[in-house]
Structure formats: C-alpha cells, structure tokens
Amino acid sequence: MNILKNLSIRNLKLNRKRTISTIIGIILSVALICAVATMRNKF
C-alpha cells in the first residue's frame, strides 16, 4: 500500500497541470449538477 501511495503522489507532482485541470473539471461538473437539480425543483 505504501508503494501505491508513493507512486500516486509522485505522479500528481509530475503532472501538476493535468491534476489541477482534473480537479477544476470535477468541481465544475458537481456545481452544474447541483444547479440543474435546484432549477428542476423550483420549476
């Protein structure tokens, strides 16, 4: 398990742009789903 953790952290550090863009994409998609669900409940 320790080897997997170290490998994951190393890849996150090496691919910083991809990691940040992935996190932003996940945040935006969750916000969009919440907005659509809220709009659906109001109308």
C-alpha atoms as a PDB file:
ATOM      1  CA  MET A   1       0.000   0.000   0.000  1.00  0.00           C
ATOM      2  CA  ASN A   2       2.896   2.334   0.747  1.00  0.00           C
ATOM      3  CA  ILE A   3       4.329   1.800  -2.739  1.00  0.00           C
ATOM      4  CA  LEU A   4       0.989   2.687  -4.332  1.00  0.00           C
ATOM      5  CA  LYS A   5       0.710   5.827  -2.205  1.00  0.00           C
ATOM      6  CA  ASN A   6       4.222   6.968  -3.123  1.00  0.00           C
ATOM      7  CA  LEU A   7       3.618   6.297  -6.816  1.00  0.00           C
ATOM      8  CA  SER A   8       0.354   8.247  -6.765  1.00  0.00           C
ATOM      9  CA  ILE A   9       1.898  11.253  -5.018  1.00  0.00           C
ATOM     10  CA  ARG A  10       4.861  11.272  -7.405  1.00  0.00           C
ATOM     11  CA  ASN A  11       2.582  11.216 -10.463  1.00  0.00           C
ATOM     12  CA  LEU A  12       0.421  14.009  -9.023  1.00  0.00           C
ATOM     13  CA  LYS A  13       3.513  16.156  -8.528  1.00  0.00           C
ATOM     14  CA  LEU A  14       4.884  15.415 -12.009  1.00  0.00           C
ATOM     15  CA  ASN A  15       1.598  16.122 -13.801  1.00  0.00           C
ATOM     16  CA  ARG A  16       0.563  19.244 -11.891  1.00  0.00           C
ATOM     17  CA  LYS A  17      -1.327  20.909 -14.773  1.00  0.00           C
ATOM     18  CA  ARG A  18      -3.339  17.799 -15.528  1.00  0.00           C
ATOM     19  CA  THR A  19      -4.118  17.308 -11.838  1.00  0.00           C
ATOM     20  CA  ILE A  20      -5.331  20.888 -11.407  1.00  0.00           C
ATOM     21  CA  SER A  21      -7.430  20.781 -14.571  1.00  0.00           C
ATOM     22  CA  THR A  22      -8.996  17.495 -13.472  1.00  0.00           C
ATOM     23  CA  ILE A  23      -9.889  18.906 -10.046  1.00  0.00           C
ATOM     24  CA  ILE A  24     -11.394  22.035 -11.631  1.00  0.00           C
ATOM     25  CA  GLY A  25     -13.394  19.873 -14.035  1.00  0.00           C
ATOM     26  CA  ILE A  26     -14.801  17.773 -11.201  1.00  0.00           C
ATOM     27  CA  ILE A  27     -15.743  20.882  -9.204  1.00  0.00           C
ATOM     28  CA  LEU A  28     -17.474  22.457 -12.205  1.00  0.00           C
ATOM     29  CA  SER A  29     -19.395  19.297 -13.045  1.00  0.00           C
ATOM     30  CA  VAL A  30     -20.647  18.897  -9.467  1.00  0.00           C
ATOM     31  CA  ALA A  31     -21.697  22.565  -9.405  1.00  0.00           C
ATOM     32  CA  LEU A  32     -23.529  22.134 -12.723  1.00  0.00           C
ATOM     33  CA  ILE A  33     -25.373  19.045 -11.498  1.00  0.00           C
ATOM     34  CA  CYS A  34     -26.406  20.850  -8.300  1.00  0.00           C
ATOM     35  CA  ALA A  35     -27.596  23.876 -10.289  1.00  0.00           C
ATOM     36  CA  VAL A  36     -29.665  21.742 -12.641  1.00  0.00           C
ATOM     37  CA  ALA A  37     -31.202  19.837  -9.722  1.00  0.00           C
ATOM     38  CA  THR A  38     -32.046  23.109  -7.972  1.00  0.00           C
ATOM     39  CA  MET A  39     -33.624  24.593 -11.091  1.00  0.00           C
ATOM     40  CA  ARG A  40     -35.609  21.406 -11.644  1.00  0.00           C
ATOM     41  CA  ASN A  41     -37.018  21.530  -8.105  1.00  0.00           C
ATOM     42  CA  LYS A  42     -38.012  25.203  -8.384  1.00  0.00           C
ATOM     43  CA  PHE A  43     -39.993  24.876 -11.604  1.00  0.00           C
END
